[in-house]
């Protein structure tokens, strides 16, 4: 077996073990437990960092979209999310539509 294949198998096994440990641990905790609050905060911070990175320094196809269009899409998406009682799919569609409209105008 090649070393790269062994490394891939060990990495997959470690990821599976960590997921199983997380499910086992989370099954015994209540929703207001400090560990759950910490995990929620870390997940939200990570998502905020990814969104910020996609707006400020995008890669790939998004890099061709002007900053003004990306900011307009973000603003409309956030406003739609707040206006629609935090329904994410319609807010996402509204933000993408706004970004495309502003991009077409530029």
N, C-alpha and C. Protein backbone atom coordinates (compact mmCIF):
# COMPACT_ATOMS: atom_id res chain seq x y z
N UNK A 1 0.85 -1.17 0.00
CA UNK A 1 0.00 0.00 0.00
C UNK A 1 0.90 1.24 0.00
N UNK A 2 0.57 2.18 -0.84
CA UNK A 2 1.36 3.41 -0.94
C UNK A 2 1.16 4.27 0.31
N UNK A 3 2.18 5.03 0.70
CA UNK A 3 2.05 5.89 1.88
C UNK A 3 0.90 6.89 1.78
N UNK A 4 0.64 7.39 0.57
CA UNK A 4 -0.46 8.34 0.40
C UNK A 4 -1.80 7.67 0.66
N UNK A 5 -1.95 6.43 0.22
CA UNK A 5 -3.19 5.69 0.46
C UNK A 5 -3.39 5.43 1.95
N UNK A 6 -2.31 5.05 2.63
CA UNK A 6 -2.39 4.82 4.06
C UNK A 6 -2.76 6.10 4.81
N UNK A 7 -2.17 7.21 4.40
CA UNK A 7 -2.48 8.49 5.03
C UNK A 7 -3.95 8.86 4.82
N UNK A 8 -4.46 8.60 3.63
CA UNK A 8 -5.86 8.89 3.34
C UNK A 8 -6.79 8.02 4.19
N UNK A 9 -6.48 6.75 4.31
CA UNK A 9 -7.30 5.84 5.12
C UNK A 9 -7.27 6.24 6.59
N UNK A 10 -6.09 6.58 7.10
CA UNK A 10 -5.98 7.00 8.50
C UNK A 10 -6.72 8.32 8.76
N UNK A 11 -6.65 9.23 7.82
CA UNK A 11 -7.37 10.50 7.95
C UNK A 11 -8.87 10.28 7.95
N UNK A 12 -9.36 9.43 7.06
CA UNK A 12 -10.79 9.13 7.01
C UNK A 12 -11.24 8.45 8.30
N UNK A 13 -10.43 7.53 8.82
CA UNK A 13 -10.78 6.85 10.08
C UNK A 13 -10.80 7.83 11.24
N UNK A 14 -9.84 8.75 11.28
CA UNK A 14 -9.81 9.74 12.36
C UNK A 14 -11.02 10.66 12.28
N UNK A 15 -11.40 11.08 11.08
CA UNK A 15 -12.58 11.93 10.92
C UNK A 15 -13.85 11.21 11.36
N UNK A 16 -13.97 9.95 10.99
CA UNK A 16 -15.13 9.17 11.40
C UNK A 16 -15.17 9.01 12.91
N UNK A 17 -14.04 8.75 13.52
CA UNK A 17 -13.98 8.60 14.98
C UNK A 17 -14.36 9.90 15.68
N UNK A 18 -13.89 11.03 15.16
CA UNK A 18 -14.25 12.32 15.76
C UNK A 18 -15.73 12.61 15.61
N UNK A 19 -16.29 12.29 14.46
CA UNK A 19 -17.74 12.50 14.28
C UNK A 19 -18.55 11.63 15.24
N UNK A 20 -18.16 10.37 15.37
CA UNK A 20 -18.87 9.48 16.29
C UNK A 20 -18.75 9.97 17.74
N UNK A 21 -17.57 10.44 18.11
CA UNK A 21 -17.38 10.97 19.46
C UNK A 21 -18.23 12.21 19.67
N UNK A 22 -18.34 13.05 18.66
CA UNK A 22 -19.18 14.25 18.77
C UNK A 22 -20.65 13.92 18.91
N UNK A 23 -21.11 12.94 18.15
CA UNK A 23 -22.51 12.52 18.26
C UNK A 23 -22.78 11.91 19.63
N UNK A 24 -21.85 11.11 20.10
CA UNK A 24 -22.01 10.49 21.43
C UNK A 24 -22.03 11.55 22.52
N UNK A 25 -21.13 12.51 22.45
CA UNK A 25 -21.06 13.57 23.45
C UNK A 25 -22.29 14.46 23.39
N UNK A 26 -22.69 14.87 22.21
CA UNK A 26 -23.84 15.76 22.07
C UNK A 26 -25.14 15.10 22.50
N UNK A 27 -25.22 13.78 22.40
CA UNK A 27 -26.43 13.09 22.80
C UNK A 27 -26.71 13.20 24.29
N UNK A 28 -25.69 13.43 25.09
CA UNK A 28 -25.87 13.53 26.53
C UNK A 28 -25.97 14.95 27.06
N UNK A 29 -25.93 15.95 26.16
CA UNK A 29 -25.95 17.34 26.60
C UNK A 29 -27.29 17.98 26.29
N UNK A 30 -27.67 18.93 27.12
CA UNK A 30 -28.89 19.69 26.86
C UNK A 30 -28.55 20.85 25.93
N UNK A 31 -29.57 21.46 25.38
CA UNK A 31 -29.35 22.55 24.42
C UNK A 31 -28.77 23.80 25.08
N UNK A 32 -28.92 23.95 26.39
CA UNK A 32 -28.38 25.13 27.07
C UNK A 32 -27.04 24.85 27.76
N UNK A 33 -26.43 23.72 27.46
CA UNK A 33 -25.13 23.37 28.05
C UNK A 33 -24.05 24.31 27.50
N UNK A 34 -23.07 24.70 28.31
CA UNK A 34 -22.01 25.60 27.84
C UNK A 34 -21.21 25.07 26.65
N UNK A 35 -21.02 23.78 26.55
CA UNK A 35 -20.29 23.22 25.42
C UNK A 35 -21.07 23.43 24.12
N UNK A 36 -22.38 23.26 24.17
CA UNK A 36 -23.22 23.48 22.99
C UNK A 36 -23.20 24.96 22.62
N UNK A 37 -23.26 25.85 23.62
CA UNK A 37 -23.19 27.29 23.35
C UNK A 37 -21.85 27.65 22.71
N UNK A 38 -20.76 27.05 23.21
CA UNK A 38 -19.44 27.31 22.63
C UNK A 38 -19.38 26.82 21.18
N UNK A 39 -19.87 25.63 20.92
CA UNK A 39 -19.85 25.07 19.57
C UNK A 39 -20.69 25.94 18.62
N UNK A 40 -21.81 26.43 19.10
CA UNK A 40 -22.65 27.32 18.29
C UNK A 40 -21.91 28.61 17.96
N UNK A 41 -21.24 29.17 18.95
CA UNK A 41 -20.49 30.41 18.73
C UNK A 41 -19.35 30.20 17.74
N UNK A 42 -18.65 29.09 17.85
CA UNK A 42 -17.55 28.80 16.92
C UNK A 42 -18.09 28.60 15.51
N UNK A 43 -19.21 27.90 15.37
CA UNK A 43 -19.79 27.68 14.04
C UNK A 43 -20.23 29.01 13.42
N UNK A 44 -20.86 29.89 14.19
CA UNK A 44 -21.29 31.18 13.67
C UNK A 44 -20.10 32.05 13.29
N UNK A 45 -19.04 32.02 14.09
CA UNK A 45 -17.85 32.82 13.79
C UNK A 45 -17.17 32.31 12.52
N UNK A 46 -17.13 31.00 12.35
CA UNK A 46 -16.53 30.43 11.14
C UNK A 46 -17.33 30.82 9.91
N UNK A 47 -18.64 30.74 10.00
CA UNK A 47 -19.49 31.12 8.87
C UNK A 47 -19.33 32.61 8.55
N UNK A 48 -19.26 33.45 9.58
CA UNK A 48 -19.06 34.88 9.36
C UNK A 48 -17.72 35.15 8.68
N UNK A 49 -16.70 34.41 9.07
CA UNK A 49 -15.38 34.58 8.44
C UNK A 49 -15.42 34.18 6.97
N UNK A 50 -16.09 33.09 6.64
CA UNK A 50 -16.19 32.65 5.25
C UNK A 50 -16.97 33.65 4.40
N UNK A 51 -18.06 34.19 4.95
CA UNK A 51 -18.85 35.19 4.21
C UNK A 51 -18.02 36.45 3.99
N UNK A 52 -17.32 36.89 5.03
CA UNK A 52 -16.47 38.08 4.90
C UNK A 52 -15.39 37.87 3.86
N UNK A 53 -14.77 36.72 3.89
CA UNK A 53 -13.73 36.40 2.91
C UNK A 53 -14.30 36.36 1.49
N UNK A 54 -15.49 35.83 1.33
CA UNK A 54 -16.11 35.77 0.00
C UNK A 54 -16.48 37.16 -0.52
N UNK A 55 -16.80 38.08 0.38
CA UNK A 55 -17.15 39.44 -0.03
C UNK A 55 -15.89 40.26 -0.32
N UNK A 56 -14.93 40.21 0.59
CA UNK A 56 -13.76 41.07 0.50
C UNK A 56 -12.70 40.55 -0.47
N UNK A 57 -12.41 39.27 -0.42
CA UNK A 57 -11.35 38.69 -1.25
C UNK A 57 -11.82 37.38 -1.87
N UNK A 58 -12.75 37.45 -2.81
CA UNK A 58 -13.30 36.22 -3.38
C UNK A 58 -12.31 35.52 -4.30
N UNK A 59 -12.56 34.25 -4.51
CA UNK A 59 -11.75 33.45 -5.43
C UNK A 59 -12.68 32.85 -6.47
N UNK A 60 -12.10 32.41 -7.55
CA UNK A 60 -12.88 31.74 -8.58
C UNK A 60 -13.78 32.69 -9.35
N UNK A 61 -14.96 32.20 -9.70
CA UNK A 61 -15.89 32.98 -10.51
C UNK A 61 -16.40 34.22 -9.79
N UNK A 62 -16.50 34.16 -8.47
CA UNK A 62 -16.99 35.31 -7.71
C UNK A 62 -16.02 36.49 -7.78
N UNK A 63 -14.76 36.24 -8.06
CA UNK A 63 -13.77 37.31 -8.16
C UNK A 63 -14.05 38.23 -9.34
N UNK A 64 -14.80 37.76 -10.32
CA UNK A 64 -15.14 38.58 -11.48
C UNK A 64 -16.32 39.50 -11.22
N UNK A 65 -17.03 39.29 -10.12
CA UNK A 65 -18.17 40.13 -9.78
C UNK A 65 -17.65 41.36 -9.03
N UNK A 66 -18.07 42.56 -9.45
CA UNK A 66 -17.58 43.77 -8.78
C UNK A 66 -17.97 43.82 -7.30
N UNK A 67 -17.15 44.51 -6.52
CA UNK A 67 -17.39 44.62 -5.08
C UNK A 67 -18.76 45.24 -4.80
N UNK A 68 -19.15 46.25 -5.58
CA UNK A 68 -20.45 46.89 -5.37
C UNK A 68 -21.59 45.89 -5.51
N UNK A 69 -21.50 45.00 -6.46
CA UNK A 69 -22.56 43.99 -6.66
C UNK A 69 -22.57 43.01 -5.50
N UNK A 70 -21.39 42.60 -5.02
CA UNK A 70 -21.33 41.67 -3.89
C UNK A 70 -21.91 42.31 -2.63
N UNK A 71 -21.57 43.59 -2.40
CA UNK A 71 -22.10 44.29 -1.22
C UNK A 71 -23.61 44.50 -1.32
N UNK A 72 -24.10 44.81 -2.52
CA UNK A 72 -25.55 44.97 -2.71
C UNK A 72 -26.28 43.65 -2.45
N UNK A 73 -25.73 42.57 -2.95
CA UNK A 73 -26.34 41.26 -2.70
C UNK A 73 -26.36 40.92 -1.22
N UNK A 74 -25.27 41.23 -0.52
CA UNK A 74 -25.22 40.99 0.92
C UNK A 74 -26.26 41.83 1.65
N UNK A 75 -26.35 43.10 1.32
CA UNK A 75 -27.30 43.99 2.00
C UNK A 75 -28.75 43.55 1.76
N UNK A 76 -29.07 43.24 0.54
CA UNK A 76 -30.44 42.79 0.23
C UNK A 76 -30.73 41.46 0.89
N UNK A 77 -29.78 40.56 0.88
CA UNK A 77 -29.97 39.25 1.52
C UNK A 77 -30.20 39.36 3.01
N UNK A 78 -29.41 40.19 3.69
CA UNK A 78 -29.59 40.38 5.14
C UNK A 78 -30.93 41.04 5.42
N UNK A 79 -31.27 42.07 4.64
CA UNK A 79 -32.56 42.75 4.85
C UNK A 79 -33.73 41.78 4.62
N UNK A 80 -33.63 40.97 3.58
CA UNK A 80 -34.70 40.00 3.31
C UNK A 80 -34.79 38.96 4.41
N UNK A 81 -33.65 38.55 4.93
CA UNK A 81 -33.65 37.55 6.01
C UNK A 81 -34.34 38.11 7.26
N UNK A 82 -34.05 39.36 7.57
CA UNK A 82 -34.68 39.98 8.75
C UNK A 82 -36.16 40.24 8.51
N UNK A 83 -36.52 40.62 7.29
CA UNK A 83 -37.92 40.93 6.98
C UNK A 83 -38.78 39.68 6.91
N UNK A 84 -38.18 38.54 6.56
CA UNK A 84 -38.95 37.31 6.37
C UNK A 84 -38.81 36.36 7.56
N UNK A 85 -38.63 36.90 8.72
CA UNK A 85 -38.52 36.09 9.96
C UNK A 85 -37.46 35.01 9.84
N UNK A 86 -36.29 35.39 9.34
CA UNK A 86 -35.11 34.54 9.25
C UNK A 86 -35.28 33.31 8.34
N UNK A 87 -36.09 33.44 7.32
CA UNK A 87 -36.20 32.36 6.33
C UNK A 87 -35.04 32.52 5.36
N UNK A 88 -34.14 31.54 5.34
CA UNK A 88 -32.88 31.70 4.64
C UNK A 88 -32.96 31.53 3.13
N UNK A 89 -33.75 30.59 2.64
CA UNK A 89 -33.79 30.35 1.20
C UNK A 89 -34.32 31.55 0.43
N UNK A 90 -35.45 32.16 0.83
CA UNK A 90 -35.90 33.36 0.09
C UNK A 90 -34.88 34.51 0.21
N UNK A 91 -34.23 34.63 1.36
CA UNK A 91 -33.22 35.67 1.52
C UNK A 91 -32.03 35.43 0.60
N UNK A 92 -31.63 34.18 0.46
CA UNK A 92 -30.53 33.85 -0.44
C UNK A 92 -30.88 34.17 -1.88
N UNK A 93 -32.09 33.82 -2.28
CA UNK A 93 -32.54 34.10 -3.65
C UNK A 93 -32.60 35.61 -3.89
N UNK A 94 -33.11 36.37 -2.92
CA UNK A 94 -33.18 37.83 -3.06
C UNK A 94 -31.79 38.44 -3.15
N UNK A 95 -30.86 37.98 -2.33
CA UNK A 95 -29.50 38.49 -2.38
C UNK A 95 -28.81 38.19 -3.69
N UNK A 96 -28.98 36.96 -4.18
CA UNK A 96 -28.38 36.59 -5.47
C UNK A 96 -28.99 37.41 -6.61
N UNK A 97 -30.30 37.60 -6.56
CA UNK A 97 -30.96 38.40 -7.61
C UNK A 97 -30.45 39.84 -7.59
N UNK A 98 -30.32 40.41 -6.40
CA UNK A 98 -29.81 41.78 -6.29
C UNK A 98 -28.38 41.87 -6.81
N UNK A 99 -27.56 40.89 -6.50
CA UNK A 99 -26.18 40.90 -6.98
C UNK A 99 -26.14 40.84 -8.50
N UNK A 100 -26.98 40.00 -9.09
CA UNK A 100 -27.01 39.90 -10.55
C UNK A 100 -27.52 41.17 -11.21
N UNK A 101 -28.51 41.80 -10.60
CA UNK A 101 -29.05 43.05 -11.17
C UNK A 101 -27.99 44.14 -11.12
N UNK A 102 -27.33 44.30 -9.99
CA UNK A 102 -26.30 45.34 -9.87
C UNK A 102 -25.13 45.02 -10.79
N UNK A 103 -24.77 43.77 -10.91
CA UNK A 103 -23.67 43.40 -11.81
C UNK A 103 -24.03 43.73 -13.27
N UNK A 104 -25.28 43.50 -13.65
CA UNK A 104 -25.71 43.79 -15.01
C UNK A 104 -25.71 45.30 -15.29
N UNK A 105 -25.96 46.09 -14.25
CA UNK A 105 -26.02 47.54 -14.41
C UNK A 105 -24.62 48.17 -14.50
N UNK A 106 -23.61 47.48 -13.94
CA UNK A 106 -22.25 48.03 -13.94
C UNK A 106 -21.52 47.76 -15.22
